[in-house]
Amino acid sequence: MFDVSEACRTSLLSLSRLTTDEVARVGETAYRFGNSPKEFADRLHGARVGLLFTAPSTRTRSSFWNAAVTLGCHTLHLGSSELQVSTGESWGDTGAVLAHYVDAAVVRTNGPQDELGRLAESLPATVNALTYEEHPTQAIADLCALRDHFGGAEQLRLAYLGLVNNTARSLAHLACRVPGMRLDVYSPEGAGFADEELSEMNDVAGREVVSQRHSVPDAPHPVDAVYTTRWQSMGVPHKDTDWRARFAPFRVTKRTMERFSGEAEAVFMHDLPAIREQEATSEVLDSPLSLVPRQAYHKTSAAAAALLRVLGEDTAVR
């Protein structure tokens, strides 16, 4: 039966708050879970987990439910119409009340990161299942998918094309905490990282990890993986009416993959959901070198690792 004191619980809101060693530990737990879920069966038996999703979710919500059930948790599902935040209650007040009822909360808001921070002040075992700024468990799933294919993630170079959103930001934080990893970002002007954020991430890493350009050159630097995501993150519309024309050069096609490949062909990554033929062609999404199926599979791996960490049962090094 689950019985961990509150003093052992912590939140997982952003990979930027984790050290290199902590990211490695979470990644190792996730990878081990993905390869042998039965090893973790009932590890959190009896724990009460609230799944609070006020924004649409297919994979993340299902994967957290799947992980929680495997770990032996009881789950409570609360959508936007079932939470009083929809009527004006603050996330801080919501967290203060739910702390009496659940041991951990998995929360997707598509709102600002600080809302989740206020909830976590009262409910310390809180997992960020996506905010407007970050999607940390997606980056952990990506780490597992890369390890599946390459055997590890250290020294890998990734190219990210298109809109810098929560997925891109968490991927950048991951790169800053994986030895030798680099991330080359190619985004339309105004759709990338702010210069200050870019500098801050590289300063924290102590090396140039994340670089950024606003066009894709004819001969870009060869990479190990090409990553893209939806151009309208979470369905949020762009302000300019001609945004599709600005993003068109960043669409990932077979030709794009060839341009970014070196001696070995680059693999393709996408966090899903995808708008086929917009940010990437079906030929690329469904190619033998697409890691997309493994990324989706490992969302459960990442969810399990997140729950084990925040509830003080991270056993990666047992």
Protein backbone atom coordinates (compact mmCIF):
# COMPACT_ATOMS: atom_id res chain seq x y z
CA MET A 1 0.00 0.00 0.00
CA PHE A 2 1.29 3.44 -0.93
CA ASP A 3 2.58 5.29 2.11
CA VAL A 4 5.10 8.04 1.46
CA SER A 5 5.29 11.07 3.71
CA GLU A 6 4.54 14.48 2.26
CA ALA A 7 8.14 15.46 2.95
CA CYS A 8 9.26 13.05 0.19
CA ARG A 9 6.94 14.51 -2.43
CA THR A 10 7.96 17.04 -5.03
CA SER A 11 6.55 18.58 -8.20
CA LEU A 12 7.62 18.18 -11.80
CA LEU A 13 6.73 21.46 -13.45
CA SER A 14 9.71 22.14 -15.70
CA LEU A 15 12.89 20.35 -16.72
CA SER A 16 14.65 23.68 -16.12
CA ARG A 17 14.25 23.02 -12.38
CA LEU A 18 16.03 19.67 -12.59
CA THR A 19 19.77 19.03 -12.60
CA THR A 20 21.53 16.98 -15.24
CA ASP A 21 21.63 14.03 -12.83
CA GLU A 22 17.92 14.36 -12.01
CA VAL A 23 16.96 14.41 -15.68
CA ALA A 24 19.11 11.33 -16.24
CA ARG A 25 17.39 9.60 -13.33
CA VAL A 26 13.88 10.39 -14.58
CA GLY A 27 14.91 9.32 -18.07
CA GLU A 28 16.33 6.03 -16.78
CA THR A 29 13.14 5.28 -14.84
CA ALA A 30 11.03 6.04 -17.91
CA TYR A 31 13.19 3.89 -20.16
CA ARG A 32 13.12 0.98 -17.75
CA PHE A 33 9.35 1.25 -17.43
CA GLY A 34 8.95 1.33 -21.21
CA ASN A 35 10.97 -1.85 -21.59
CA SER A 36 9.42 -3.72 -18.67
CA PRO A 37 6.17 -2.23 -17.30
CA LYS A 38 5.51 -5.36 -15.23
CA GLU A 39 8.62 -4.57 -13.18
CA PHE A 40 6.77 -1.52 -11.85
CA ALA A 41 3.35 -3.12 -11.32
CA ASP A 42 1.62 -1.78 -8.20
CA ARG A 43 4.69 0.25 -7.17
CA LEU A 44 2.28 3.03 -6.11
CA HIS A 45 -0.52 0.74 -4.98
CA GLY A 46 -3.33 2.73 -3.40
CA ALA A 47 -2.03 6.20 -4.31
CA ARG A 48 -4.77 8.67 -5.27
CA VAL A 49 -4.03 10.61 -8.45
CA GLY A 50 -6.16 13.45 -9.78
CA LEU A 51 -6.08 13.95 -13.57
CA LEU A 52 -7.05 17.60 -14.10
CA PHE A 53 -7.36 18.39 -17.82
CA THR A 54 -8.93 21.69 -18.80
CA ALA A 55 -7.55 21.53 -22.36
CA PRO A 56 -7.99 18.83 -25.03
CA SER A 57 -5.78 15.76 -24.73
CA THR A 58 -5.71 12.35 -26.35
CA ARG A 59 -2.25 10.92 -25.74
CA THR A 60 -1.17 12.67 -22.54
CA ARG A 61 -4.36 12.03 -20.59
CA SER A 62 -4.62 8.42 -21.78
CA SER A 63 -0.95 7.73 -21.07
CA PHE A 64 -1.13 9.10 -17.53
CA TRP A 65 -4.20 6.98 -16.87
CA ASN A 66 -2.39 3.96 -18.32
CA ALA A 67 0.70 4.58 -16.21
CA ALA A 68 -1.31 5.20 -13.05
CA VAL A 69 -3.30 1.97 -13.49
CA THR A 70 -0.11 -0.03 -14.06
CA LEU A 71 1.42 1.50 -10.92
CA GLY A 72 -1.68 0.57 -8.92
CA CYS A 73 -3.11 4.07 -8.41
CA HIS A 74 -6.70 5.16 -8.02
CA THR A 75 -7.50 7.91 -10.55
CA LEU A 76 -9.98 10.78 -10.48
CA HIS A 77 -10.68 12.51 -13.80
CA LEU A 78 -11.73 16.17 -13.72
CA GLY A 79 -12.34 18.17 -16.88
CA SER A 80 -12.90 21.88 -17.36
CA SER A 81 -16.64 21.61 -16.73
CA GLU A 82 -15.99 19.76 -13.46
CA LEU A 83 -13.48 22.20 -11.99
CA GLN A 84 -14.47 25.48 -10.40
CA VAL A 85 -11.59 27.23 -12.15
CA SER A 86 -14.07 27.44 -15.03
CA THR A 87 -16.23 29.69 -12.84
CA GLY A 88 -13.40 31.88 -11.55
CA GLU A 89 -11.81 29.97 -8.68
CA SER A 90 -8.02 30.33 -8.61
CA TRP A 91 -5.69 27.42 -9.21
CA GLY A 92 -4.17 28.13 -5.82
CA ASP A 93 -7.51 27.61 -4.05
CA THR A 94 -8.16 24.52 -6.14
CA GLY A 95 -4.84 23.03 -5.07
CA ALA A 96 -5.46 23.82 -1.40
CA VAL A 97 -8.71 21.86 -1.46
CA LEU A 98 -7.53 18.94 -3.58
CA ALA A 99 -4.54 18.45 -1.26
CA HIS A 100 -7.04 16.93 1.22
CA TYR A 101 -8.31 14.43 -1.34
CA VAL A 102 -5.48 13.29 -3.62
CA ASP A 103 -1.82 12.39 -3.22
CA ALA A 104 -0.79 13.78 -6.59
CA ALA A 105 -2.23 15.86 -9.40
CA VAL A 106 -1.50 15.67 -13.12
CA VAL A 107 -2.55 18.98 -14.64
CA ARG A 108 -3.01 20.27 -18.20
CA THR A 109 -4.19 23.86 -18.53
CA ASN A 110 -2.75 25.36 -21.74
CA GLY A 111 -2.55 28.45 -19.54
CA PRO A 112 0.45 30.26 -18.05
CA GLN A 113 3.04 28.28 -16.11
CA ASP A 114 2.58 30.35 -12.95
CA GLU A 115 -0.99 29.03 -12.55
CA LEU A 116 0.41 25.55 -12.08
CA GLY A 117 2.99 26.91 -9.67
CA ARG A 118 0.27 28.32 -7.44
CA LEU A 119 -1.56 24.98 -7.38
CA ALA A 120 1.67 23.16 -6.52
CA GLU A 121 2.26 25.39 -3.49
CA SER A 122 -0.49 23.48 -1.68
CA LEU A 123 -0.30 20.23 -3.62
CA PRO A 124 3.44 19.50 -3.86
CA ALA A 125 3.15 16.28 -5.92
CA THR A 126 2.01 18.07 -9.08
CA VAL A 127 2.98 17.06 -12.63
CA ASN A 128 2.88 19.49 -15.52
CA ALA A 129 0.97 17.67 -18.26
CA LEU A 130 1.21 20.80 -20.46
CA THR A 131 0.97 24.52 -19.94
CA TYR A 132 1.27 27.28 -22.53
CA GLU A 133 5.02 27.44 -21.94
CA GLU A 134 6.15 23.86 -21.29
CA HIS A 135 5.47 20.13 -21.77
CA PRO A 136 8.20 18.35 -19.76
CA THR A 137 6.87 14.79 -19.95
CA GLN A 138 6.86 14.99 -23.75
CA ALA A 139 10.59 15.68 -23.64
CA ILE A 140 11.12 12.62 -21.43
CA ALA A 141 9.16 10.50 -23.93
CA ASP A 142 11.35 11.95 -26.70
CA LEU A 143 14.46 11.03 -24.72
CA CYS A 144 13.27 7.42 -24.49
CA ALA A 145 12.50 7.26 -28.22
CA LEU A 146 15.98 8.57 -29.06
CA ARG A 147 17.53 6.01 -26.76
CA ASP A 148 15.51 3.25 -28.45
CA HIS A 149 16.98 4.17 -31.81
CA PHE A 150 20.48 5.38 -31.01
CA GLY A 151 21.20 3.49 -27.80
CA GLY A 152 21.60 6.81 -25.95
CA ALA A 153 21.04 10.53 -26.38
CA GLU A 154 24.39 12.02 -25.44
CA GLN A 155 26.20 13.88 -28.26
CA LEU A 156 23.12 13.82 -30.52
CA ARG A 157 22.27 16.86 -32.64
CA LEU A 158 18.64 17.69 -33.35
CA ALA A 159 17.01 20.17 -35.72
CA TYR A 160 13.66 21.63 -34.71
CA LEU A 161 11.57 23.24 -37.48
CA GLY A 162 8.52 25.48 -37.15
CA LEU A 163 6.76 27.06 -34.20
CA VAL A 164 8.59 27.28 -30.88
CA ASN A 165 5.96 26.20 -28.39
CA ASN A 166 5.78 24.25 -25.11
CA THR A 167 7.19 21.13 -26.77
CA ALA A 168 10.15 23.01 -28.25
CA ARG A 169 10.89 24.75 -24.96
CA SER A 170 10.94 21.51 -22.97
CA LEU A 171 13.06 19.89 -25.68
CA ALA A 172 15.54 22.77 -25.33
CA HIS A 173 15.64 22.35 -21.54
CA LEU A 174 16.28 18.63 -22.09
CA ALA A 175 19.13 19.35 -24.51
CA CYS A 176 20.72 21.64 -21.94
CA ARG A 177 20.79 18.74 -19.47
CA VAL A 178 21.95 15.88 -21.69
CA PRO A 179 25.74 15.90 -22.10
CA GLY A 180 26.77 16.89 -25.60
CA MET A 181 23.27 17.22 -27.02
CA ARG A 182 22.60 20.18 -29.34
CA LEU A 183 19.40 21.68 -30.72
CA ASP A 184 19.29 23.78 -33.89
CA VAL A 185 16.03 25.74 -34.16
CA TYR A 186 14.66 26.98 -37.48
CA SER A 187 11.57 29.17 -37.10
CA PRO A 188 9.88 32.06 -38.92
CA GLU A 189 10.74 35.49 -37.58
CA GLY A 190 8.70 36.11 -34.44
CA ALA A 191 7.86 32.40 -33.95
CA GLY A 192 11.08 31.34 -32.24
CA PHE A 193 12.79 31.83 -28.90
CA ALA A 194 13.30 35.34 -27.59
CA ASP A 195 16.98 36.28 -27.62
CA GLU A 196 17.03 36.64 -23.83
CA GLU A 197 15.58 33.16 -23.30
CA LEU A 198 18.06 31.66 -25.73
CA SER A 199 20.97 33.31 -23.92
CA GLU A 200 19.70 32.23 -20.52
CA MET A 201 19.39 28.57 -21.54
CA ASN A 202 22.88 28.49 -22.99
CA ASP A 203 24.30 30.30 -19.96
CA VAL A 204 22.76 27.72 -17.64
CA ALA A 205 24.21 24.90 -19.75
CA GLY A 206 27.63 26.56 -19.85
CA ARG A 207 27.91 25.95 -23.59
CA GLU A 208 26.06 26.76 -26.79
CA VAL A 209 23.37 24.10 -26.81
CA VAL A 210 20.50 25.89 -28.56
CA SER A 211 21.04 27.91 -31.73
CA GLN A 212 18.40 29.65 -33.81
CA ARG A 213 17.90 30.74 -37.41
CA HIS A 214 14.86 32.18 -39.17
CA SER A 215 15.38 30.39 -42.47
CA VAL A 216 16.48 26.94 -43.55
CA PRO A 217 19.72 27.19 -45.54
CA ASP A 218 20.29 25.06 -48.63
CA ALA A 219 22.97 23.14 -46.76
CA PRO A 220 22.04 23.05 -43.07
CA HIS A 221 24.24 21.32 -40.52
CA PRO A 222 23.66 17.53 -40.64
CA VAL A 223 21.73 16.26 -37.63
CA ASP A 224 20.67 12.96 -36.11
CA ALA A 225 16.97 13.85 -35.85
CA VAL A 226 14.57 16.37 -37.38
CA TYR A 227 11.70 17.41 -35.08
CA THR A 228 8.56 19.39 -35.81
CA THR A 229 5.14 19.95 -34.28
CA ARG A 230 1.84 21.62 -35.12
CA TRP A 231 2.05 25.16 -36.43
CA GLN A 232 -1.01 26.14 -34.40
CA SER A 233 -0.13 24.91 -30.95
CA MET A 234 -3.22 23.73 -29.03
CA GLY A 235 -5.38 25.34 -31.71
CA VAL A 236 -4.35 28.89 -30.77
CA PRO A 237 -4.74 30.99 -33.95
CA HIS A 238 -1.94 33.17 -35.31
CA LYS A 239 -2.52 36.92 -35.37
CA ASP A 240 -1.29 37.44 -38.94
CA THR A 241 -3.49 36.18 -41.77
CA ASP A 242 -0.58 35.10 -43.97
CA TRP A 243 1.06 32.85 -41.38
CA ARG A 244 0.79 29.74 -43.57
CA ALA A 245 2.99 31.36 -46.22
CA ARG A 246 5.60 32.26 -43.56
CA PHE A 247 5.67 28.70 -42.22
CA ALA A 248 5.62 26.90 -45.57
CA PRO A 249 9.44 26.82 -45.98
CA PHE A 250 9.67 24.92 -42.68
CA ARG A 251 7.44 22.02 -43.75
CA VAL A 252 9.25 18.70 -43.36
CA THR A 253 9.32 16.71 -46.60
CA LYS A 254 11.49 13.90 -47.89
CA ARG A 255 13.72 16.57 -49.43
CA THR A 256 14.00 18.30 -46.02
CA MET A 257 15.12 15.04 -44.42
CA GLU A 258 17.74 14.56 -47.13
CA ARG A 259 19.06 18.09 -46.61
CA PHE A 260 19.50 17.50 -42.88
CA SER A 261 21.08 14.05 -43.23
CA GLY A 262 24.81 13.40 -43.12
CA GLU A 263 26.58 10.09 -43.54
CA ALA A 264 23.59 8.45 -41.85
CA GLU A 265 19.98 9.36 -42.59
CA ALA A 266 18.32 11.57 -40.00
CA VAL A 267 15.29 10.20 -38.17
CA PHE A 268 12.01 12.11 -37.89
CA MET A 269 10.16 13.15 -34.72
CA HIS A 270 6.74 14.70 -34.06
CA ASP A 271 4.92 14.94 -30.74
CA LEU A 272 1.42 14.60 -32.30
CA PRO A 273 -1.31 15.43 -33.08
CA ALA A 274 -0.18 16.15 -36.64
CA ILE A 275 -1.87 18.06 -39.41
CA ARG A 276 -0.73 15.85 -42.27
CA GLU A 277 0.71 17.61 -45.31
CA GLN A 278 0.95 20.88 -43.37
CA GLU A 279 3.94 20.77 -40.99
CA ALA A 280 5.06 17.37 -42.31
CA THR A 281 4.10 15.09 -45.16
CA SER A 282 2.60 11.65 -44.66
CA GLU A 283 5.59 10.23 -46.51
CA VAL A 284 7.82 11.46 -43.68
CA LEU A 285 5.42 10.74 -40.81
CA ASP A 286 4.98 7.14 -41.91
CA SER A 287 8.52 6.47 -43.08
CA PRO A 288 10.68 3.66 -41.64
CA LEU A 289 12.88 6.35 -40.07
CA SER A 290 10.00 7.97 -38.20
CA LEU A 291 10.30 7.73 -34.41
CA VAL A 292 6.74 9.04 -34.00
CA PRO A 293 5.26 5.65 -32.95
CA ARG A 294 7.92 5.20 -30.27
CA GLN A 295 7.43 8.75 -29.02
CA ALA A 296 3.73 8.02 -28.60
CA TYR A 297 4.45 4.68 -26.92
CA HIS A 298 6.86 6.24 -24.45
CA LYS A 299 4.37 8.85 -23.28
CA THR A 300 3.24 6.19 -20.80
CA SER A 301 6.88 5.60 -19.85
CA ALA A 302 7.34 9.31 -19.17
CA ALA A 303 4.06 9.51 -17.25
CA ALA A 304 5.08 6.62 -15.00
CA ALA A 305 8.49 8.16 -14.32
CA ALA A 306 6.84 11.49 -13.47
CA LEU A 307 4.40 9.91 -11.02
CA LEU A 308 7.15 7.88 -9.36
CA ARG A 309 9.31 10.98 -8.98
CA VAL A 310 6.70 13.31 -7.52
CA LEU A 311 5.49 10.67 -5.06
CA GLY A 312 8.99 9.89 -3.82
CA GLU A 313 9.20 6.43 -5.35
CA ASP A 314 11.73 7.03 -8.14
CA THR A 315 13.64 3.76 -8.16
CA ALA A 316 15.77 4.13 -11.29
CA VAL A 317 18.94 3.24 -9.44
CA ARG A 318 17.67 0.29 -7.41
